[in-house]
Amino acid sequence: MVSIGHRFEDDALAFLNVMTPSTTAQIENELHQLGSLKVSLVLTAELKKAAPYDEYEILTRAYFRSTASPILKPGVIAQKLADATNQIMGKLEKFTKEGSGWRLNRCEFLDLHFARYQPFRGRSYIKTPTYIPPRTVINVKNQDNRCFEWAILSALYPVAHGQHPYRLAGYQAHRGGLNFAGIGFPVKVTDVTKFERQIPTLSVNVFGWKSGPIPIHVSKQVGIEIDLLLLTDVKDPQKTHYVWIKDLARMLYKNSNYEGRKHPCFTVFTDH
């Protein structure tokens, strides 16, 4: 979006605000087509400062980018744009107010950068990969998108000795006892905290896998501790599946050269 010649081109905040309706419309259009997005704004600005002895002015071009932020529904666009505007203004002010001598001459462009966003969420059944150490997980063979629920139930209600722990039948009687109000299926990792708030007696940790288990959600809640592993289908990376980690210490031990039993200390790794 071009701003040269715009009456607000020398006022970055006013320019960003006046561009809000058009940026909102573009985001809504992309959201309708893609379903979910990550969006960032980039302001291209021309800056100037006095040359030595004030003989003339020096001009330069700079780019001020907001962080890419996920947008899943139209109702959050206004807040996301406000956050992006605050980020850009903060970076511009830092650039011009730290003794550099640069000041805004004009806003040249405002660009929207879009990317499809696929939040982590557990879907239908995935066979336990061979790289997962044996006897460390319980992988319930569900035929729906409620693998998170089945994994939690398998942890809370282990089947009796001699029964098959991977069959749905062992947990059917306990369906309906967990509060999933306001949480959609398949469950996103970002919704685990909400699930915990609704069941304060549980503490749920979620791990991904990269040459071993890596934490992607570490509970801040004190309660019955449940560790879940989010598997990813090799053929379809968008397909993921929660399983209960029955023995995390064994899983860690099998992926380490250390011969003693390991006790995990969690640090979350995330790319956003």
Foldseek 3Di string as FASTA:
>chain_A
DWCVVPPCFQPLLVVLVVCVVVVLVVVVVVCVVQQKKWKKKKWKFKKWAADPVNPDIDIDIDIFMFGTHMDRDSVCSVVVSVNRSVRRVVVQCVVCPPPPRIGTDTTTDMDMDIDRDQFDFAWAFDPDDPVFDPPFWAGAHDPTQDLVVLQVQCVVQPADPPDRSRYPVRRVVVPPVADCVPADGRGGPVCVQVSCVRVLQEWEWEWEDDLATATADGGPGDHHYWYWYWAADPVHRSHIGIITGRHRQVRVCVSDPDPDGDDDDHDHDDDD
